[in-house]
Amino acid sequence: MALCVVFCLCVPHACAVKTNRLVLVRDITTVEGVRDNQLVGYGLVVGLRGTGDSQQTIFTVQTLANAMEKMGVLIPPVTAVVKNVAAVFITATLHPFSRPGEKLDVTVGSVGDARSLEGGVLLMSALHGPDGKVYAEAQGSLIMGGYLVGNGSNGKQVNPTNVGTIPEGGIVERDTTVDLSGFKTVSLLLRNPDFNTAAEIAAAVNQEFHKPVASALDSGRVDISVAVASEQSVPLLIARVQNLLINAHTPAKIIINERTGTIVMGGDVKLSPVSVIHGNLSIQVVTSYIAEQPIGTTPDQGMINGAPPVLVPQTNLTVNDAPAQTMRLEEGANVDELVKGLHAIGTTARDVVAILQAIKAEGGMQADLEVQ
């Protein structure tokens, strides 16, 4: 177990100016109405080497029977025992302005109890959008990112083998293009809403066109008037705006994932003067079993009257109480100094999580702390 005690010294301090960075508008915004769409489908993967779904996966057998019926072959589903087939879900992303005949990358994942999809081929399957309509068809040989070798008692697996991809395995069947000529207003949506950044975008656009064509509606949206901009076309207007450079204002934020022990801290995070006292107390209990001969026998006699050697547990207890380590950060300390200090006193990732939460609770951290 780990013990973390944090003492924060509360003294007034001036807020440091955040560092900004120059970025393209295209990197931090999207255009409203121009978006991807998710597609999903259901199908069969064939050609497996005995690693497909078992007969207990009823929907696979039923799907196989239906597919065979469309081919003119009638089989009773209850008698079908085919281990070279697996039922799968197919997913793909339909990009904006996709037109019939364009290719899509698709991802295939097992639905039943198939052990591996390696070497399989996806039969033609329809991909549906949220509205239930068919937007693409998918078919092709799967490419796996891992392998599974051996049998049930002795084997080795690297990466999941129940998920595969088919590069350009999907073909778009329905036109999903957006008519940009009907846009009266181009709305830019910020990926990370911020009032300062929205104002910077509006100011940069107005300066580019030398007239007030853009306005920031809120922290996440900037509207640009197509009529006032007087550009030749909406695509040219969007391209011109997206190539503008602005100062992006990133908020001070710390992301903590307690499950994996991952901590991501932005460089804008500032701390008040803080002292950290950290100590480790570890207790380890190890139990081993030693074979002893039953009473009345000797090792050279072996087993007498069917009595085998007796296993006697031996328990060892180890306690390690490390001395406390101390770290102090001065006024205006940044993330780099905090990380170096925590490493210097030998903290683990989970210790850092507890320390950061304690500093935030006391008010000594000027940042948003998000725990996932």
Protein backbone atom coordinates (compact mmCIF):
# COMPACT_ATOMS: atom_id res chain seq x y z
CA MET A 1 0.00 0.00 0.00
CA ALA A 2 1.10 3.61 -0.57
CA LEU A 3 0.67 6.56 1.76
CA CYS A 4 0.56 10.07 0.27
CA VAL A 5 0.26 13.16 2.47
CA VAL A 6 0.12 16.59 0.81
CA PHE A 7 0.52 19.93 2.58
CA CYS A 8 -0.29 23.04 0.47
CA LEU A 9 0.92 26.48 1.51
CA CYS A 10 -1.78 28.96 0.50
CA VAL A 11 -0.25 32.30 -0.40
CA PRO A 12 -1.50 34.88 -2.91
CA HIS A 13 0.06 34.58 -6.30
CA ALA A 14 -0.33 36.21 -9.69
CA CYS A 15 -1.85 34.25 -12.53
CA ALA A 16 0.77 33.53 -15.15
CA VAL A 17 -0.02 34.32 -18.77
CA LYS A 18 -0.83 31.20 -20.73
CA THR A 19 1.34 30.26 -23.63
CA ASN A 20 -0.40 30.29 -27.01
CA ARG A 21 0.45 28.48 -30.19
CA LEU A 22 -0.15 29.27 -33.84
CA VAL A 23 -2.41 26.75 -35.55
CA LEU A 24 -4.42 26.54 -38.74
CA VAL A 25 -8.17 27.05 -38.44
CA ARG A 26 -8.69 23.69 -40.19
CA ASP A 27 -6.90 21.87 -37.36
CA ILE A 28 -9.19 23.10 -34.58
CA THR A 29 -12.59 23.43 -36.31
CA THR A 30 -15.08 21.52 -38.43
CA VAL A 31 -17.68 22.86 -40.84
CA GLU A 32 -21.27 22.35 -39.72
CA GLY A 33 -23.09 20.05 -42.14
CA VAL A 34 -19.86 18.51 -43.48
CA ARG A 35 -19.40 15.35 -41.42
CA ASP A 36 -18.69 11.63 -41.51
CA ASN A 37 -21.40 9.00 -41.11
CA GLN A 38 -21.07 5.59 -39.47
CA LEU A 39 -22.17 2.44 -41.30
CA VAL A 40 -22.82 -1.02 -39.89
CA GLY A 41 -23.70 -4.38 -41.39
CA TYR A 42 -23.97 -8.09 -40.64
CA GLY A 43 -22.49 -10.91 -42.67
CA LEU A 44 -20.57 -14.17 -42.88
CA VAL A 45 -16.85 -14.86 -43.05
CA VAL A 46 -16.00 -18.15 -44.79
CA GLY A 47 -12.82 -20.07 -45.53
CA LEU A 48 -11.66 -20.45 -41.92
CA ARG A 49 -9.53 -23.42 -40.87
CA GLY A 50 -11.88 -24.93 -38.30
CA THR A 51 -11.77 -21.79 -36.14
CA GLY A 52 -15.29 -20.56 -36.91
CA ASP A 53 -18.45 -20.53 -34.81
CA SER A 54 -19.66 -23.72 -33.15
CA GLN A 55 -23.08 -25.25 -33.76
CA GLN A 56 -24.26 -23.68 -30.50
CA THR A 57 -24.11 -20.27 -32.18
CA ILE A 58 -27.58 -20.61 -33.66
CA PHE A 59 -27.71 -17.35 -35.60
CA THR A 60 -24.61 -18.32 -37.61
CA VAL A 61 -26.21 -21.56 -38.77
CA GLN A 62 -29.45 -19.75 -39.62
CA THR A 63 -27.58 -17.08 -41.60
CA LEU A 64 -25.66 -19.77 -43.47
CA ALA A 65 -28.91 -21.58 -44.30
CA ASN A 66 -30.45 -18.34 -45.61
CA ALA A 67 -27.38 -17.61 -47.74
CA MET A 68 -27.43 -21.13 -49.18
CA GLU A 69 -31.13 -20.78 -49.95
CA LYS A 70 -30.45 -17.65 -52.02
CA MET A 71 -27.94 -19.74 -53.98
CA GLY A 72 -30.58 -22.39 -54.68
CA VAL A 73 -29.43 -24.90 -52.03
CA LEU A 74 -31.85 -25.87 -49.26
CA ILE A 75 -30.34 -27.21 -46.03
CA PRO A 76 -32.02 -27.76 -42.65
CA PRO A 77 -30.29 -25.45 -40.15
CA VAL A 78 -30.37 -28.06 -37.35
CA THR A 79 -28.15 -30.43 -39.34
CA ALA A 80 -25.55 -27.88 -40.48
CA VAL A 81 -22.20 -28.42 -38.76
CA VAL A 82 -19.71 -26.08 -40.39
CA LYS A 83 -16.71 -24.80 -38.42
CA ASN A 84 -15.26 -22.81 -41.29
CA VAL A 85 -17.90 -20.06 -41.06
CA ALA A 86 -18.27 -17.17 -38.59
CA ALA A 87 -20.94 -14.51 -38.16
CA VAL A 88 -19.51 -10.99 -38.06
CA PHE A 89 -20.48 -7.34 -37.77
CA ILE A 90 -18.99 -4.95 -40.32
CA THR A 91 -18.32 -1.27 -39.63
CA ALA A 92 -17.15 1.54 -41.89
CA THR A 93 -17.01 5.33 -42.03
CA LEU A 94 -18.72 7.12 -44.90
CA HIS A 95 -16.79 10.30 -45.57
CA PRO A 96 -18.54 13.51 -46.63
CA PHE A 97 -19.12 13.98 -50.37
CA SER A 98 -18.84 10.24 -51.01
CA ARG A 99 -20.19 9.21 -54.40
CA PRO A 100 -21.24 5.83 -55.81
CA GLY A 101 -18.27 3.70 -56.81
CA GLU A 102 -15.83 5.09 -54.24
CA LYS A 103 -13.98 2.62 -52.01
CA LEU A 104 -14.18 2.37 -48.22
CA ASP A 105 -12.02 0.61 -45.65
CA VAL A 106 -14.10 -1.76 -43.51
CA THR A 107 -13.52 -3.45 -40.16
CA VAL A 108 -14.89 -6.92 -39.41
CA GLY A 109 -15.46 -8.33 -35.91
CA SER A 110 -16.68 -11.74 -34.76
CA VAL A 111 -20.13 -11.99 -33.18
CA GLY A 112 -20.16 -15.60 -32.01
CA ASP A 113 -17.59 -17.89 -30.42
CA ALA A 114 -15.17 -18.16 -33.35
CA ARG A 115 -11.58 -18.61 -32.19
CA SER A 116 -10.01 -16.77 -35.12
CA LEU A 117 -10.93 -15.06 -38.40
CA GLU A 118 -7.47 -15.53 -39.87
CA GLY A 119 -7.56 -16.47 -43.55
CA GLY A 120 -11.27 -15.73 -43.89
CA VAL A 121 -13.20 -14.05 -46.69
CA LEU A 122 -16.19 -11.81 -46.07
CA LEU A 123 -19.21 -12.54 -48.28
CA MET A 124 -21.05 -9.59 -49.83
CA SER A 125 -22.84 -7.71 -47.05
CA ALA A 126 -24.94 -4.56 -47.00
CA LEU A 127 -23.83 -1.62 -44.85
CA HIS A 128 -26.65 0.46 -43.38
CA GLY A 129 -26.71 4.02 -42.10
CA PRO A 130 -28.57 5.36 -39.03
CA ASP A 131 -31.68 5.77 -41.17
CA GLY A 132 -31.70 2.07 -42.12
CA LYS A 133 -30.87 2.66 -45.78
CA VAL A 134 -28.09 0.76 -47.57
CA TYR A 135 -25.19 3.08 -48.39
CA ALA A 136 -22.44 0.58 -49.27
CA GLU A 137 -21.60 -3.07 -49.90
CA ALA A 138 -18.59 -4.87 -48.45
CA GLN A 139 -16.71 -8.00 -49.52
CA GLY A 140 -13.15 -9.28 -49.58
CA SER A 141 -10.31 -11.09 -47.83
CA LEU A 142 -9.51 -10.15 -44.23
CA ILE A 143 -6.15 -8.81 -43.10
CA MET A 144 -5.30 -9.66 -39.50
CA GLY A 145 -3.07 -7.69 -37.15
CA GLY A 146 -2.06 -10.74 -35.12
CA TYR A 147 -1.91 -14.52 -35.08
CA LEU A 148 -3.01 -17.52 -33.02
CA VAL A 149 -1.01 -20.75 -33.10
CA GLY A 150 -1.03 -23.96 -31.08
CA ASN A 151 -3.82 -25.92 -29.45
CA GLY A 152 -5.88 -25.55 -26.29
CA SER A 153 -3.10 -26.76 -23.97
CA ASN A 154 -0.12 -25.06 -25.57
CA GLY A 155 -0.45 -22.01 -27.80
CA LYS A 156 0.52 -18.42 -28.37
CA GLN A 157 -1.55 -15.43 -29.45
CA VAL A 158 -0.38 -11.97 -30.50
CA ASN A 159 -3.08 -9.29 -30.77
CA PRO A 160 -6.76 -10.17 -31.23
CA THR A 161 -7.52 -12.51 -34.12
CA ASN A 162 -11.30 -12.03 -33.96
CA VAL A 163 -11.09 -8.60 -35.63
CA GLY A 164 -9.77 -7.91 -39.12
CA THR A 165 -9.80 -5.21 -41.78
CA ILE A 166 -10.45 -5.14 -45.52
CA PRO A 167 -8.68 -2.17 -47.14
CA GLU A 168 -11.00 -0.69 -49.77
CA GLY A 169 -13.34 -3.62 -49.17
CA GLY A 170 -16.47 -1.49 -49.33
CA ILE A 171 -18.05 0.25 -52.32
CA VAL A 172 -20.35 3.24 -51.93
CA GLU A 173 -23.78 2.65 -53.49
CA ARG A 174 -25.65 5.86 -52.55
CA ASP A 175 -24.74 9.50 -53.18
CA THR A 176 -24.26 11.41 -49.90
CA THR A 177 -22.80 14.67 -51.19
CA VAL A 178 -23.86 17.96 -49.59
CA ASP A 179 -24.93 20.87 -51.81
CA LEU A 180 -22.67 23.66 -50.56
CA SER A 181 -24.10 26.14 -53.05
CA GLY A 182 -27.19 26.48 -50.89
CA PHE A 183 -25.23 27.58 -47.82
CA LYS A 184 -26.03 31.16 -46.77
CA THR A 185 -23.83 30.87 -43.67
CA VAL A 186 -20.70 28.81 -43.09
CA SER A 187 -20.56 27.76 -39.45
CA LEU A 188 -17.22 26.71 -37.94
CA LEU A 189 -17.53 24.40 -34.92
CA LEU A 190 -14.57 24.35 -32.50
CA ARG A 191 -13.36 20.91 -31.47
CA ASN A 192 -12.38 22.32 -28.07
CA PRO A 193 -14.80 25.17 -27.27
CA ASP A 194 -13.12 28.31 -25.95
CA PHE A 195 -14.34 31.92 -26.05
CA ASN A 196 -10.88 33.37 -26.70
CA THR A 197 -10.19 31.00 -29.58
CA ALA A 198 -13.61 31.69 -31.13
CA ALA A 199 -12.96 35.43 -30.94
CA GLU A 200 -9.50 34.94 -32.49
CA ILE A 201 -11.03 33.05 -35.44
CA ALA A 202 -13.67 35.72 -36.05
CA ALA A 203 -11.05 38.49 -35.89
CA ALA A 204 -8.71 36.63 -38.26
CA VAL A 205 -11.49 36.07 -40.81
CA ASN A 206 -12.60 39.72 -40.69
CA GLN A 207 -9.01 40.86 -41.15
CA GLU A 208 -8.56 38.50 -44.10
CA PHE A 209 -11.65 39.84 -45.93
CA HIS A 210 -11.19 43.44 -44.71
CA LYS A 211 -14.82 43.64 -43.58
CA PRO A 212 -17.03 42.16 -40.83
CA VAL A 213 -18.04 38.82 -42.34
CA ALA A 214 -17.61 36.60 -39.25
CA SER A 215 -18.92 36.67 -35.69
CA ALA A 216 -18.41 34.39 -32.70
CA LEU A 217 -21.83 33.22 -31.47
CA ASP A 218 -20.48 31.37 -28.44
CA SER A 219 -17.42 29.41 -27.29
CA GLY A 220 -17.96 26.67 -29.87
CA ARG A 221 -19.30 28.35 -33.01
CA VAL A 222 -18.24 31.05 -35.48
CA ASP A 223 -20.61 32.07 -38.28
CA ILE A 224 -19.39 33.47 -41.62
CA SER A 225 -21.80 35.21 -43.99
CA VAL A 226 -21.41 33.88 -47.53
CA ALA A 227 -23.11 36.91 -49.12
CA VAL A 228 -20.95 39.47 -47.29
CA ALA A 229 -17.73 37.55 -48.02
CA SER A 230 -18.49 37.74 -51.78
CA GLU A 231 -16.24 34.77 -52.55
CA GLN A 232 -16.56 32.98 -55.91
CA SER A 233 -17.92 29.79 -54.30
CA VAL A 234 -18.54 28.29 -50.88
CA PRO A 235 -15.71 25.70 -51.22
CA LEU A 236 -13.23 28.52 -52.02
CA LEU A 237 -14.51 30.48 -49.03
CA ILE A 238 -14.05 27.49 -46.71
CA ALA A 239 -10.56 26.77 -48.07
CA ARG A 240 -9.52 30.40 -47.61
CA VAL A 241 -10.77 30.50 -44.03
CA GLN A 242 -9.28 27.14 -43.06
CA ASN A 243 -5.80 28.23 -44.12
CA LEU A 244 -5.73 31.16 -41.68
CA LEU A 245 -3.29 31.06 -38.74
CA ILE A 246 -4.56 32.01 -35.28
CA ASN A 247 -3.45 31.84 -31.67
CA ALA A 248 -5.08 28.80 -30.05
CA HIS A 249 -5.80 29.25 -26.33
CA THR A 250 -5.57 25.87 -24.67
CA PRO A 251 -7.11 25.56 -21.19
CA ALA A 252 -5.03 24.26 -18.31
CA LYS A 253 -6.16 20.67 -17.88
CA ILE A 254 -4.96 17.39 -16.39
CA ILE A 255 -6.35 14.04 -17.60
CA ILE A 256 -6.08 11.06 -15.23
CA ASN A 257 -6.98 7.47 -16.08
CA GLU A 258 -6.97 5.55 -12.81
CA ARG A 259 -7.49 2.18 -14.53
CA THR A 260 -4.29 2.36 -16.55
CA GLY A 261 -2.34 4.80 -14.38
CA THR A 262 -1.98 7.24 -17.29
CA ILE A 263 -1.60 10.95 -16.50
CA VAL A 264 -1.49 13.70 -19.14
CA MET A 265 -0.76 17.26 -17.99
CA GLY A 266 -0.70 20.37 -20.17
CA GLY A 267 2.21 22.76 -20.00
CA ASP A 268 -0.09 25.63 -18.94
CA VAL A 269 -0.84 24.09 -15.55
CA LYS A 270 0.47 26.27 -12.70
CA LEU A 271 0.81 25.37 -9.02
CA SER A 272 0.88 27.31 -5.79
CA PRO A 273 3.79 26.74 -3.40
CA VAL A 274 3.38 23.13 -2.26
CA SER A 275 5.22 20.62 -0.10
CA VAL A 276 4.71 16.88 -0.57
CA ILE A 277 5.65 14.20 1.97
CA HIS A 278 5.54 10.72 0.50
CA GLY A 279 6.32 7.37 2.12
CA ASN A 280 5.84 3.70 1.18
CA LEU A 281 4.65 0.87 3.39
CA SER A 282 4.64 -2.53 1.69
CA ILE A 283 3.61 -5.84 3.25
CA GLN A 284 4.31 -9.08 1.40
CA VAL A 285 3.02 -12.48 2.50
CA VAL A 286 4.43 -15.54 0.71
CA THR A 287 3.15 -19.06 1.37
CA SER A 288 5.15 -22.09 0.20
CA TYR A 289 4.44 -25.78 0.64
CA ILE A 290 7.06 -28.31 1.79
CA ALA A 291 6.56 -32.06 1.42
CA GLU A 292 7.10 -33.98 4.69
CA GLN A 293 7.00 -37.73 5.32
CA PRO A 294 4.13 -39.06 7.44
CA ILE A 295 4.93 -40.00 11.01
CA GLY A 296 6.39 -43.51 11.27
CA THR A 297 8.11 -43.47 7.87
CA THR A 298 11.54 -42.51 6.64
CA PRO A 299 12.46 -40.95 3.28
CA ASP A 300 14.07 -44.19 2.04
CA GLN A 301 10.95 -46.24 2.84
CA GLY A 302 8.76 -44.18 0.48
CA MET A 303 5.00 -44.59 0.79
CA ILE A 304 3.83 -47.08 3.48
CA ASN A 305 0.25 -48.34 3.61
CA GLY A 306 -0.67 -45.99 0.74
CA ALA A 307 0.20 -42.84 2.74
CA PRO A 308 1.75 -40.17 0.43
CA PRO A 309 4.02 -37.35 1.65
CA VAL A 310 2.18 -34.51 3.43
CA LEU A 311 2.37 -30.91 2.14
CA VAL A 312 2.96 -28.52 5.04
CA PRO A 313 2.45 -24.74 4.41
CA GLN A 314 5.26 -22.38 5.38
CA THR A 315 4.33 -18.67 5.56
CA ASN A 316 6.91 -15.86 5.35
CA LEU A 317 5.99 -12.25 6.19
CA THR A 318 8.07 -9.32 4.88
CA VAL A 319 7.42 -5.70 5.88
CA ASN A 320 9.18 -2.79 4.18
CA ASP A 321 8.49 0.66 5.64
CA ALA A 322 10.47 3.15 3.55
CA PRO A 323 11.36 6.53 5.02
CA ALA A 324 9.27 9.52 3.90
CA GLN A 325 10.50 11.56 0.94
CA THR A 326 9.94 15.32 0.78
CA MET A 327 9.45 17.57 -2.26
CA ARG A 328 8.78 21.30 -2.38
CA LEU A 329 7.62 23.45 -5.30
CA GLU A 330 8.00 27.22 -5.28
CA GLU A 331 5.61 29.92 -6.53
CA GLY A 332 4.62 29.53 -10.20
CA ALA A 333 5.93 25.97 -10.53
CA ASN A 334 4.95 24.24 -13.78
CA VAL A 335 4.21 20.69 -14.83
CA ASP A 336 7.80 19.87 -15.74
CA GLU A 337 9.02 20.74 -12.23
CA LEU A 338 6.17 18.75 -10.67
CA VAL A 339 6.90 15.63 -12.72
CA LYS A 340 10.64 15.80 -12.02
CA GLY A 341 9.98 16.23 -8.31
CA LEU A 342 7.56 13.30 -8.13
CA HIS A 343 10.01 11.06 -9.98
CA ALA A 344 12.79 12.15 -7.61
CA ILE A 345 10.88 10.92 -4.54
CA GLY A 346 10.05 7.59 -6.20
CA THR A 347 6.29 7.90 -6.69
CA THR A 348 4.32 5.50 -8.83
CA ALA A 349 1.58 6.49 -11.27
CA ARG A 350 -1.14 5.73 -8.72
CA ASP A 351 0.69 7.80 -6.10
CA VAL A 352 0.77 10.72 -8.53
CA VAL A 353 -3.01 10.40 -9.01
CA ALA A 354 -3.60 10.68 -5.26
CA ILE A 355 -1.18 13.62 -4.93
CA LEU A 356 -2.78 15.57 -7.79
CA GLN A 357 -6.28 14.99 -6.44
CA ALA A 358 -5.20 16.23 -3.01
CA ILE A 359 -3.54 19.37 -4.46
CA LYS A 360 -6.64 20.11 -6.52
CA ALA A 361 -8.98 19.60 -3.54
CA GLU A 362 -6.96 22.09 -1.46
CA GLY A 363 -6.98 24.70 -4.23
CA GLY A 364 -3.27 24.70 -4.98
CA MET A 365 -3.66 23.75 -8.64
CA GLN A 366 -4.90 26.18 -11.31
CA ALA A 367 -6.18 23.59 -13.75
CA ASP A 368 -9.19 21.43 -14.53
CA LEU A 369 -8.70 17.89 -13.21
CA GLU A 370 -10.57 15.24 -15.24
CA VAL A 371 -10.62 11.67 -13.88
CA GLN A 372 -11.59 9.02 -16.41
